[in-house]
Amino acid sequence: PTYGIYTGYEHCEHVARPGAEEHVDNEKYEFK
């Protein structure tokens, strides 16, 4: 019944930081 979407999902943001299962240019550390 409950689900969530992280913004940018609409654009299929799929590029990972090499060697990690997280976004490259991660929004935690910069503006987008």
Full PDB file with SEQRES, HELIX, SHEET, SSBOND, CRYST1, ORIGX, SCALE, CONECT and MASTER records, all heavy atoms in Angstrom:
SEQRES   1 A   32  PRO THR TYR GLY ILE TYR THR GLY TYR GLU HIS CYS GLU          
SEQRES   2 A   32  HIS VAL ALA ARG PRO GLY ALA GLU GLU HIS VAL ASP ASN          
SEQRES   3 A   32  GLU LYS TYR GLU PHE LYS                                      
HELIX    1 AA1 TYR A    9  HIS A   11  5                                   3    
CRYST1    1.000    1.000    1.000  90.00  90.00  90.00 P 1           1          
ORIGX1      1.000000  0.000000  0.000000        0.00000                         
ORIGX2      0.000000  1.000000  0.000000        0.00000                         
ORIGX3      0.000000  0.000000  1.000000        0.00000                         
SCALE1      1.000000  0.000000  0.000000        0.00000                         
SCALE2      0.000000  1.000000  0.000000        0.00000                         
SCALE3      0.000000  0.000000  1.000000        0.00000                         
ATOM      1  N   PRO A   1       0.777  -1.236   0.000  1.00  0.00           N  
ATOM      2  CA  PRO A   1       0.000   0.000   0.000  1.00  0.00           C  
ATOM      3  C   PRO A   1       0.813   1.293   0.000  1.00  0.00           C  
ATOM      4  O   PRO A   1       0.306   2.322  -0.419  1.00  0.00           O  
ATOM      5  CB  PRO A   1      -0.835  -0.096   1.285  1.00  0.00           C  
ATOM      6  CG  PRO A   1      -0.849  -1.535   1.642  1.00  0.00           C  
ATOM      7  CD  PRO A   1       0.481  -2.059   1.199  1.00  0.00           C  
ATOM      8  N   THR A   2       2.055   1.262   0.506  1.00  0.00           N  
ATOM      9  CA  THR A   2       2.872   2.477   0.545  1.00  0.00           C  
ATOM     10  C   THR A   2       4.136   2.283  -0.282  1.00  0.00           C  
ATOM     11  O   THR A   2       4.830   1.270  -0.139  1.00  0.00           O  
ATOM     12  CB  THR A   2       3.259   2.840   1.988  1.00  0.00           C  
ATOM     13  OG1 THR A   2       2.109   3.352   2.661  1.00  0.00           O  
ATOM     14  CG2 THR A   2       4.336   3.914   2.020  1.00  0.00           C  
ATOM     15  N   TYR A   3       4.402   3.243  -1.147  1.00  0.00           N  
ATOM     16  CA  TYR A   3       5.641   3.192  -1.919  1.00  0.00           C  
ATOM     17  C   TYR A   3       6.178   4.602  -2.072  1.00  0.00           C  
ATOM     18  O   TYR A   3       5.492   5.587  -1.777  1.00  0.00           O  
ATOM     19  CB  TYR A   3       5.404   2.534  -3.283  1.00  0.00           C  
ATOM     20  CG  TYR A   3       4.918   3.460  -4.384  1.00  0.00           C  
ATOM     21  CD1 TYR A   3       5.740   3.785  -5.452  1.00  0.00           C  
ATOM     22  CD2 TYR A   3       3.634   4.013  -4.361  1.00  0.00           C  
ATOM     23  CE1 TYR A   3       5.295   4.626  -6.473  1.00  0.00           C  
ATOM     24  CE2 TYR A   3       3.185   4.843  -5.368  1.00  0.00           C  
ATOM     25  CZ  TYR A   3       4.017   5.145  -6.423  1.00  0.00           C  
ATOM     26  OH  TYR A   3       3.590   5.980  -7.427  1.00  0.00           O  
ATOM     27  N   GLY A   4       7.434   4.708  -2.529  1.00  0.00           N  
ATOM     28  CA  GLY A   4       8.037   6.018  -2.662  1.00  0.00           C  
ATOM     29  C   GLY A   4       8.915   6.129  -3.885  1.00  0.00           C  
ATOM     30  O   GLY A   4       9.449   5.132  -4.391  1.00  0.00           O  
ATOM     31  N   ILE A   5       9.064   7.342  -4.373  1.00  0.00           N  
ATOM     32  CA  ILE A   5       9.869   7.662  -5.553  1.00  0.00           C  
ATOM     33  C   ILE A   5      10.851   8.768  -5.174  1.00  0.00           C  
ATOM     34  O   ILE A   5      10.466   9.760  -4.541  1.00  0.00           O  
ATOM     35  CB  ILE A   5       8.974   8.132  -6.717  1.00  0.00           C  
ATOM     36  CG1 ILE A   5       8.093   6.993  -7.221  1.00  0.00           C  
ATOM     37  CG2 ILE A   5       9.820   8.702  -7.851  1.00  0.00           C  
ATOM     38  CD1 ILE A   5       8.848   5.824  -7.806  1.00  0.00           C  
ATOM     39  N   TYR A   6      12.101   8.586  -5.557  1.00  0.00           N  
ATOM     40  CA  TYR A   6      13.111   9.629  -5.386  1.00  0.00           C  
ATOM     41  C   TYR A   6      13.125  10.487  -6.643  1.00  0.00           C  
ATOM     42  O   TYR A   6      13.209   9.973  -7.760  1.00  0.00           O  
ATOM     43  CB  TYR A   6      14.474   8.987  -5.125  1.00  0.00           C  
ATOM     44  CG  TYR A   6      15.674   9.893  -5.270  1.00  0.00           C  
ATOM     45  CD1 TYR A   6      15.685  11.177  -4.717  1.00  0.00           C  
ATOM     46  CD2 TYR A   6      16.808   9.467  -5.959  1.00  0.00           C  
ATOM     47  CE1 TYR A   6      16.783  12.010  -4.855  1.00  0.00           C  
ATOM     48  CE2 TYR A   6      17.928  10.284  -6.096  1.00  0.00           C  
ATOM     49  CZ  TYR A   6      17.900  11.557  -5.546  1.00  0.00           C  
ATOM     50  OH  TYR A   6      18.994  12.377  -5.681  1.00  0.00           O  
ATOM     51  N   THR A   7      13.035  11.791  -6.465  1.00  0.00           N  
ATOM     52  CA  THR A   7      12.971  12.704  -7.598  1.00  0.00           C  
ATOM     53  C   THR A   7      14.103  12.433  -8.596  1.00  0.00           C  
ATOM     54  O   THR A   7      15.231  12.100  -8.212  1.00  0.00           O  
ATOM     55  CB  THR A   7      13.026  14.161  -7.111  1.00  0.00           C  
ATOM     56  OG1 THR A   7      12.818  15.024  -8.212  1.00  0.00           O  
ATOM     57  CG2 THR A   7      14.354  14.478  -6.451  1.00  0.00           C  
ATOM     58  N   GLY A   8      13.795  12.583  -9.844  1.00  0.00           N  
ATOM     59  CA  GLY A   8      14.718  12.205 -10.906  1.00  0.00           C  
ATOM     60  C   GLY A   8      14.397  10.854 -11.487  1.00  0.00           C  
ATOM     61  O   GLY A   8      14.893  10.499 -12.567  1.00  0.00           O  
ATOM     62  N   TYR A   9      13.569  10.097 -10.782  1.00  0.00           N  
ATOM     63  CA  TYR A   9      13.133   8.793 -11.292  1.00  0.00           C  
ATOM     64  C   TYR A   9      12.423   8.967 -12.634  1.00  0.00           C  
ATOM     65  O   TYR A   9      12.556   8.127 -13.526  1.00  0.00           O  
ATOM     66  CB  TYR A   9      12.187   8.154 -10.281  1.00  0.00           C  
ATOM     67  CG  TYR A   9      11.927   6.678 -10.495  1.00  0.00           C  
ATOM     68  CD1 TYR A   9      12.706   5.722  -9.862  1.00  0.00           C  
ATOM     69  CD2 TYR A   9      10.894   6.239 -11.319  1.00  0.00           C  
ATOM     70  CE1 TYR A   9      12.465   4.371 -10.041  1.00  0.00           C  
ATOM     71  CE2 TYR A   9      10.646   4.891 -11.510  1.00  0.00           C  
ATOM     72  CZ  TYR A   9      11.436   3.960 -10.859  1.00  0.00           C  
ATOM     73  OH  TYR A   9      11.199   2.611 -11.049  1.00  0.00           O  
ATOM     74  N   GLU A  10      11.703  10.092 -12.773  1.00  0.00           N  
ATOM     75  CA  GLU A  10      10.989  10.331 -14.026  1.00  0.00           C  
ATOM     76  C   GLU A  10      11.933  10.357 -15.224  1.00  0.00           C  
ATOM     77  O   GLU A  10      11.542  10.042 -16.346  1.00  0.00           O  
ATOM     78  CB  GLU A  10      10.240  11.665 -13.965  1.00  0.00           C  
ATOM     79  CG  GLU A  10       9.245  11.784 -12.836  1.00  0.00           C  
ATOM     80  CD  GLU A  10       9.819  12.454 -11.609  1.00  0.00           C  
ATOM     81  OE1 GLU A  10      10.959  12.108 -11.215  1.00  0.00           O  
ATOM     82  OE2 GLU A  10       9.136  13.323 -11.048  1.00  0.00           O  
ATOM     83  N   HIS A  11      13.172  10.737 -14.986  1.00  0.00           N  
ATOM     84  CA  HIS A  11      14.152  10.856 -16.063  1.00  0.00           C  
ATOM     85  C   HIS A  11      15.039   9.617 -16.178  1.00  0.00           C  
ATOM     86  O   HIS A  11      16.042   9.640 -16.899  1.00  0.00           O  
ATOM     87  CB  HIS A  11      15.030  12.097 -15.843  1.00  0.00           C  
ATOM     88  CG  HIS A  11      14.272  13.380 -15.904  1.00  0.00           C  
ATOM     89  ND1 HIS A  11      14.777  14.576 -15.421  1.00  0.00           N  
ATOM     90  CD2 HIS A  11      13.033  13.670 -16.380  1.00  0.00           C  
ATOM     91  CE1 HIS A  11      13.875  15.536 -15.604  1.00  0.00           C  
ATOM     92  NE2 HIS A  11      12.822  15.009 -16.179  1.00  0.00           N  
ATOM     93  N   CYS A  12      14.687   8.581 -15.460  1.00  0.00           N  
ATOM     94  CA  CYS A  12      15.458   7.324 -15.505  1.00  0.00           C  
ATOM     95  C   CYS A  12      16.936   7.568 -15.179  1.00  0.00           C  
ATOM     96  O   CYS A  12      17.836   7.055 -15.868  1.00  0.00           O  
ATOM     97  CB  CYS A  12      15.332   6.630 -16.863  1.00  0.00           C  
ATOM     98  SG  CYS A  12      13.650   6.206 -17.316  1.00  0.00           S  
ATOM     99  N   GLU A  13      17.203   8.331 -14.131  1.00  0.00           N  
ATOM    100  CA  GLU A  13      18.594   8.562 -13.726  1.00  0.00           C  
ATOM    101  C   GLU A  13      19.194   7.241 -13.256  1.00  0.00           C  
ATOM    102  O   GLU A  13      18.821   6.716 -12.216  1.00  0.00           O  
ATOM    103  CB  GLU A  13      18.639   9.617 -12.619  1.00  0.00           C  
ATOM    104  CG  GLU A  13      18.175  10.994 -13.090  1.00  0.00           C  
ATOM    105  CD  GLU A  13      18.201  12.048 -11.989  1.00  0.00           C  
ATOM    106  OE1 GLU A  13      18.576  11.712 -10.845  1.00  0.00           O  
ATOM    107  OE2 GLU A  13      17.845  13.208 -12.265  1.00  0.00           O  
ATOM    108  N   HIS A  14      20.144   6.723 -14.024  1.00  0.00           N  
ATOM    109  CA  HIS A  14      20.588   5.344 -13.818  1.00  0.00           C  
ATOM    110  C   HIS A  14      22.100   5.173 -13.782  1.00  0.00           C  
ATOM    111  O   HIS A  14      22.593   4.047 -13.638  1.00  0.00           O  
ATOM    112  CB  HIS A  14      20.040   4.459 -14.941  1.00  0.00           C  
ATOM    113  CG  HIS A  14      20.619   4.786 -16.291  1.00  0.00           C  
ATOM    114  ND1 HIS A  14      20.206   5.861 -17.042  1.00  0.00           N  
ATOM    115  CD2 HIS A  14      21.602   4.175 -17.000  1.00  0.00           C  
ATOM    116  CE1 HIS A  14      20.899   5.893 -18.170  1.00  0.00           C  
ATOM    117  NE2 HIS A  14      21.755   4.889 -18.168  1.00  0.00           N  
ATOM    118  N   VAL A  15      22.853   6.254 -13.894  1.00  0.00           N  
ATOM    119  CA  VAL A  15      24.313   6.126 -13.959  1.00  0.00           C  
ATOM    120  C   VAL A  15      24.866   6.101 -12.539  1.00  0.00           C  
ATOM    121  O   VAL A  15      24.604   6.998 -11.734  1.00  0.00           O  
ATOM    122  CB  VAL A  15      24.936   7.287 -14.754  1.00  0.00           C  
ATOM    123  CG1 VAL A  15      26.462   7.129 -14.804  1.00  0.00           C  
ATOM    124  CG2 VAL A  15      24.347   7.338 -16.158  1.00  0.00           C  
ATOM    125  N   ALA A  16      25.640   5.070 -12.246  1.00  0.00           N  
ATOM    126  CA  ALA A  16      26.172   4.886 -10.896  1.00  0.00           C  
ATOM    127  C   ALA A  16      27.604   5.385 -10.792  1.00  0.00           C  
ATOM    128  O   ALA A  16      28.342   5.438 -11.777  1.00  0.00           O  
ATOM    129  CB  ALA A  16      26.119   3.410 -10.516  1.00  0.00           C  
ATOM    130  N   ARG A  17      27.963   5.743  -9.572  1.00  0.00           N  
ATOM    131  CA  ARG A  17      29.368   6.021  -9.296  1.00  0.00           C  
ATOM    132  C   ARG A  17      30.138   4.719  -9.446  1.00  0.00           C  
ATOM    133  O   ARG A  17      29.708   3.680  -8.935  1.00  0.00           O  
ATOM    134  CB  ARG A  17      29.515   6.590  -7.887  1.00  0.00           C  
ATOM    135  CG  ARG A  17      30.936   6.959  -7.489  1.00  0.00           C  
ATOM    136  CD  ARG A  17      30.944   7.843  -6.247  1.00  0.00           C  
ATOM    137  NE  ARG A  17      30.307   7.214  -5.109  1.00  0.00           N  
ATOM    138  CZ  ARG A  17      30.928   6.382  -4.265  1.00  0.00           C  
ATOM    139  NH1 ARG A  17      32.217   6.089  -4.439  1.00  0.00           N  
ATOM    140  NH2 ARG A  17      30.287   5.867  -3.243  1.00  0.00           N  
ATOM    141  N   PRO A  18      31.246   4.714 -10.150  1.00  0.00           N  
ATOM    142  CA  PRO A  18      31.966   3.461 -10.390  1.00  0.00           C  
ATOM    143  C   PRO A  18      32.233   2.686  -9.108  1.00  0.00           C  
ATOM    144  O   PRO A  18      32.714   3.237  -8.111  1.00  0.00           O  
ATOM    145  CB  PRO A  18      33.276   3.928 -11.037  1.00  0.00           C  
ATOM    146  CG  PRO A  18      32.910   5.214 -11.725  1.00  0.00           C  
ATOM    147  CD  PRO A  18      31.893   5.860 -10.821  1.00  0.00           C  
ATOM    148  N   GLY A  19      31.862   1.399  -9.125  1.00  0.00           N  
ATOM    149  CA  GLY A  19      32.099   0.527  -7.993  1.00  0.00           C  
ATOM    150  C   GLY A  19      31.103   0.659  -6.869  1.00  0.00           C  
ATOM    151  O   GLY A  19      31.301   0.066  -5.801  1.00  0.00           O  
ATOM    152  N   ALA A  20      30.029   1.423  -7.071  1.00  0.00           N  
ATOM    153  CA  ALA A  20      29.057   1.640  -5.999  1.00  0.00           C  
ATOM    154  C   ALA A  20      27.641   1.454  -6.534  1.00  0.00           C  
ATOM    155  O   ALA A  20      27.386   1.619  -7.729  1.00  0.00           O  
ATOM    156  CB  ALA A  20      29.208   3.037  -5.405  1.00  0.00           C  
ATOM    157  N   GLU A  21      26.731   1.119  -5.637  1.00  0.00           N  
ATOM    158  CA  GLU A  21      25.317   1.031  -5.995  1.00  0.00           C  
ATOM    159  C   GLU A  21      24.617   2.318  -5.587  1.00  0.00           C  
ATOM    160  O   GLU A  21      23.638   2.327  -4.856  1.00  0.00           O  
ATOM    161  CB  GLU A  21      24.652  -0.175  -5.314  1.00  0.00           C  
ATOM    162  CG  GLU A  21      25.061  -1.505  -5.889  1.00  0.00           C  
ATOM    163  CD  GLU A  21      24.200  -2.653  -5.373  1.00  0.00           C  
ATOM    164  OE1 GLU A  21      23.148  -2.397  -4.742  1.00  0.00           O  
ATOM    165  OE2 GLU A  21      24.573  -3.814  -5.594  1.00  0.00           O  
ATOM    166  N   GLU A  22      25.161   3.431  -6.061  1.00  0.00           N  
ATOM    167  CA  GLU A  22      24.526   4.719  -5.805  1.00  0.00           C  
ATOM    168  C   GLU A  22      24.798   5.645  -6.975  1.00  0.00           C  
ATOM    169  O   GLU A  22      25.693   5.406  -7.791  1.00  0.00           O  
ATOM    170  CB  GLU A  22      25.012   5.343  -4.496  1.00  0.00           C  
ATOM    171  CG  GLU A  22      26.475   5.688  -4.466  1.00  0.00           C  
ATOM    172  CD  GLU A  22      26.890   6.310  -3.138  1.00  0.00           C  
ATOM    173  OE1 GLU A  22      26.484   5.794  -2.074  1.00  0.00           O  
ATOM    174  OE2 GLU A  22      27.631   7.318  -3.169  1.00  0.00           O  
ATOM    175  N   HIS A  23      24.026   6.707  -7.074  1.00  0.00           N  
ATOM    176  CA  HIS A  23      24.104   7.607  -8.212  1.00  0.00           C  
ATOM    177  C   HIS A  23      25.463   8.292  -8.298  1.00  0.00           C  
ATOM    178  O   HIS A  23      26.052   8.676  -7.284  1.00  0.00           O  
ATOM    179  CB  HIS A  23      23.027   8.686  -8.105  1.00  0.00           C  
ATOM    180  CG  HIS A  23      21.631   8.145  -8.126  1.00  0.00           C  
ATOM    181  ND1 HIS A  23      20.917   7.956  -9.287  1.00  0.00           N  
ATOM    182  CD2 HIS A  23      20.808   7.748  -7.123  1.00  0.00           C  
ATOM    183  CE1 HIS A  23      19.716   7.472  -8.997  1.00  0.00           C  
ATOM    184  NE2 HIS A  23      19.626   7.335  -7.688  1.00  0.00           N  
ATOM    185  N   VAL A  24      25.949   8.443  -9.515  1.00  0.00           N  
ATOM    186  CA  VAL A  24      27.111   9.283  -9.727  1.00  0.00           C  
ATOM    187  C   VAL A  24      26.675  10.732  -9.565  1.00  0.00           C  
ATOM    188  O   VAL A  24      25.501  11.058  -9.747  1.00  0.00           O  
ATOM    189  CB  VAL A  24      27.725   9.032 -11.125  1.00  0.00           C  
ATOM    190  CG1 VAL A  24      26.851   9.598 -12.235  1.00  0.00           C  
ATOM    191  CG2 VAL A  24      29.151   9.562 -11.206  1.00  0.00           C  
ATOM    192  N   ASP A  25      27.617  11.597  -9.197  1.00  0.00           N  
ATOM    193  CA  ASP A  25      27.283  12.998  -8.941  1.00  0.00           C  
ATOM    194  C   ASP A  25      26.101  13.077  -7.981  1.00  0.00           C  
ATOM    195  O   ASP A  25      25.102  13.774  -8.212  1.00  0.00           O  
ATOM    196  CB  ASP A  25      26.959  13.732 -10.249  1.00  0.00           C  
ATOM    197  CG  ASP A  25      28.127  13.689 -11.234  1.00  0.00           C  
ATOM    198  OD1 ASP A  25      29.282  13.650 -10.770  1.00  0.00           O  
ATOM    199  OD2 ASP A  25      27.875  13.670 -12.448  1.00  0.00           O  
ATOM    200  N   ASN A  26      26.246  12.356  -6.893  1.00  0.00           N  
ATOM    201  CA  ASN A  26      25.145  12.169  -5.946  1.00  0.00           C  
ATOM    202  C   ASN A  26      24.647  13.501  -5.406  1.00  0.00           C  
ATOM    203  O   ASN A  26      25.426  14.367  -5.008  1.00  0.00           O  
ATOM    204  CB  ASN A  26      25.614  11.273  -4.794  1.00  0.00           C  
ATOM    205  CG  ASN A  26      24.473  10.733  -3.972  1.00  0.00           C  
ATOM    206  OD1 ASN A  26      23.677  11.477  -3.438  1.00  0.00           O  
ATOM    207  ND2 ASN A  26      24.401   9.416  -3.874  1.00  0.00           N  
ATOM    208  N   GLU A  27      23.330  13.625  -5.393  1.00  0.00           N  
ATOM    209  CA  GLU A  27      22.694  14.854  -4.943  1.00  0.00           C  
ATOM    210  C   GLU A  27      22.958  15.154  -3.473  1.00  0.00           C  
ATOM    211  O   GLU A  27      22.772  16.286  -3.017  1.00  0.00           O  
ATOM    212  CB  GLU A  27      21.187  14.766  -5.206  1.00  0.00           C  
ATOM    213  CG  GLU A  27      20.449  16.079  -5.134  1.00  0.00           C  
ATOM    214  CD  GLU A  27      19.020  15.962  -5.618  1.00  0.00           C  
ATOM    215  OE1 GLU A  27      18.598  14.843  -5.987  1.00  0.00           O  
ATOM    216  OE2 GLU A  27      18.326  16.992  -5.622  1.00  0.00           O  
ATOM    217  N   LYS A  28      23.407  14.158  -2.716  1.00  0.00           N  
ATOM    218  CA  LYS A  28      23.761  14.421  -1.321  1.00  0.00           C  
ATOM    219  C   LYS A  28      24.921  15.403  -1.207  1.00  0.00           C  
ATOM    220  O   LYS A  28      25.106  16.037  -0.158  1.00  0.00           O  
ATOM    221  CB  LYS A  28      24.147  13.118  -0.608  1.00  0.00           C  
ATOM    222  CG  LYS A  28      22.991  12.245  -0.229  1.00  0.00           C  
ATOM    223  CD  LYS A  28      23.351  11.261   0.860  1.00  0.00           C  
ATOM    224  CE  LYS A  28      24.504  10.369   0.487  1.00  0.00           C  
ATOM    225  NZ  LYS A  28      24.785   9.366   1.549  1.00  0.00           N  
ATOM    226  N   TYR A  29      25.728  15.513  -2.272  1.00  0.00           N  
ATOM    227  CA  TYR A  29      26.955  16.304  -2.179  1.00  0.00           C  
ATOM    228  C   TYR A  29      27.006  17.470  -3.166  1.00  0.00           C  
ATOM    229  O   TYR A  29      28.000  18.191  -3.208  1.00  0.00           O  
ATOM    230  CB  TYR A  29      28.162  15.396  -2.422  1.00  0.00           C  
ATOM    231  CG  TYR A  29      28.155  14.170  -1.548  1.00  0.00           C  
ATOM    232  CD1 TYR A  29      27.839  12.921  -2.075  1.00  0.00           C  
ATOM    233  CD2 TYR A  29      28.410  14.258  -0.184  1.00  0.00           C  
ATOM    234  CE1 TYR A  29      27.805  11.790  -1.265  1.00  0.00           C  
ATOM    235  CE2 TYR A  29      28.376  13.137   0.627  1.00  0.00           C  
ATOM    236  CZ  TYR A  29      28.071  11.907   0.078  1.00  0.00           C  
ATOM    237  OH  TYR A  29      28.032  10.792   0.883  1.00  0.00           O  
ATOM    238  N   GLU A  30      25.946  17.668  -3.946  1.00  0.00           N  
ATOM    239  CA  GLU A  30      25.959  18.772  -4.905  1.00  0.00           C  
ATOM    240  C   GLU A  30      24.529  19.141  -5.301  1.00  0.00           C  
ATOM    241  O   GLU A  30      23.580  18.429  -4.986  1.00  0.00           O  
ATOM    242  CB  GLU A  30      26.768  18.403  -6.147  1.00  0.00           C  
ATOM    243  CG  GLU A  30      26.218  17.201  -6.904  1.00  0.00           C  
ATOM    244  CD  GLU A  30      27.096  16.847  -8.101  1.00  0.00           C  
ATOM    245  OE1 GLU A  30      26.865  17.436  -9.178  1.00  0.00           O  
ATOM    246  OE2 GLU A  30      27.993  16.005  -7.940  1.00  0.00           O  
ATOM    247  N   PHE A  31      24.408  20.245  -5.959  1.00  0.00           N  
ATOM    248  CA  PHE A  31      23.108  20.670  -6.470  1.00  0.00           C  
ATOM    249  C   PHE A  31      22.796  19.935  -7.771  1.00  0.00           C  
ATOM    250  O   PHE A  31      23.695  19.513  -8.490  1.00  0.00           O  
ATOM    251  CB  PHE A  31      23.110  22.183  -6.762  1.00  0.00           C  
ATOM    252  CG  PHE A  31      23.340  23.047  -5.556  1.00  0.00           C  
ATOM    253  CD1 PHE A  31      24.582  23.638  -5.329  1.00  0.00           C  
ATOM    254  CD2 PHE A  31      22.317  23.294  -4.654  1.00  0.00           C  
ATOM    255  CE1 PHE A  31      24.795  24.453  -4.229  1.00  0.00           C  
ATOM    256  CE2 PHE A  31      22.523  24.109  -3.550  1.00  0.00           C  
ATOM    257  CZ  PHE A  31      23.764  24.687  -3.339  1.00  0.00           C  
ATOM    258  N   LYS A  32      21.505  19.840  -8.076  1.00  0.00           N  
ATOM    259  CA  LYS A  32      21.083  19.321  -9.375  1.00  0.00           C  
ATOM    260  C   LYS A  32      19.966  20.209  -9.909  1.00  0.00           C  
ATOM    261  O   LYS A  32      19.050  20.569  -9.170  1.00  0.00           O  
ATOM    262  CB  LYS A  32      20.567  17.885  -9.272  1.00  0.00           C  
ATOM    263  CG  LYS A  32      21.645  16.825  -9.290  1.00  0.00           C  
ATOM    264  CD  LYS A  32      21.029  15.429  -9.385  1.00  0.00           C  
ATOM    265  CE  LYS A  32      22.102  14.346  -9.376  1.00  0.00           C  
ATOM    266  NZ  LYS A  32      22.936  14.382 -10.564  1.00  0.00           N  
TER     267      LYS A  32                                                      
MASTER        0    0    0    1    0    0    0    6  266    1    0    3          
END                                                                             
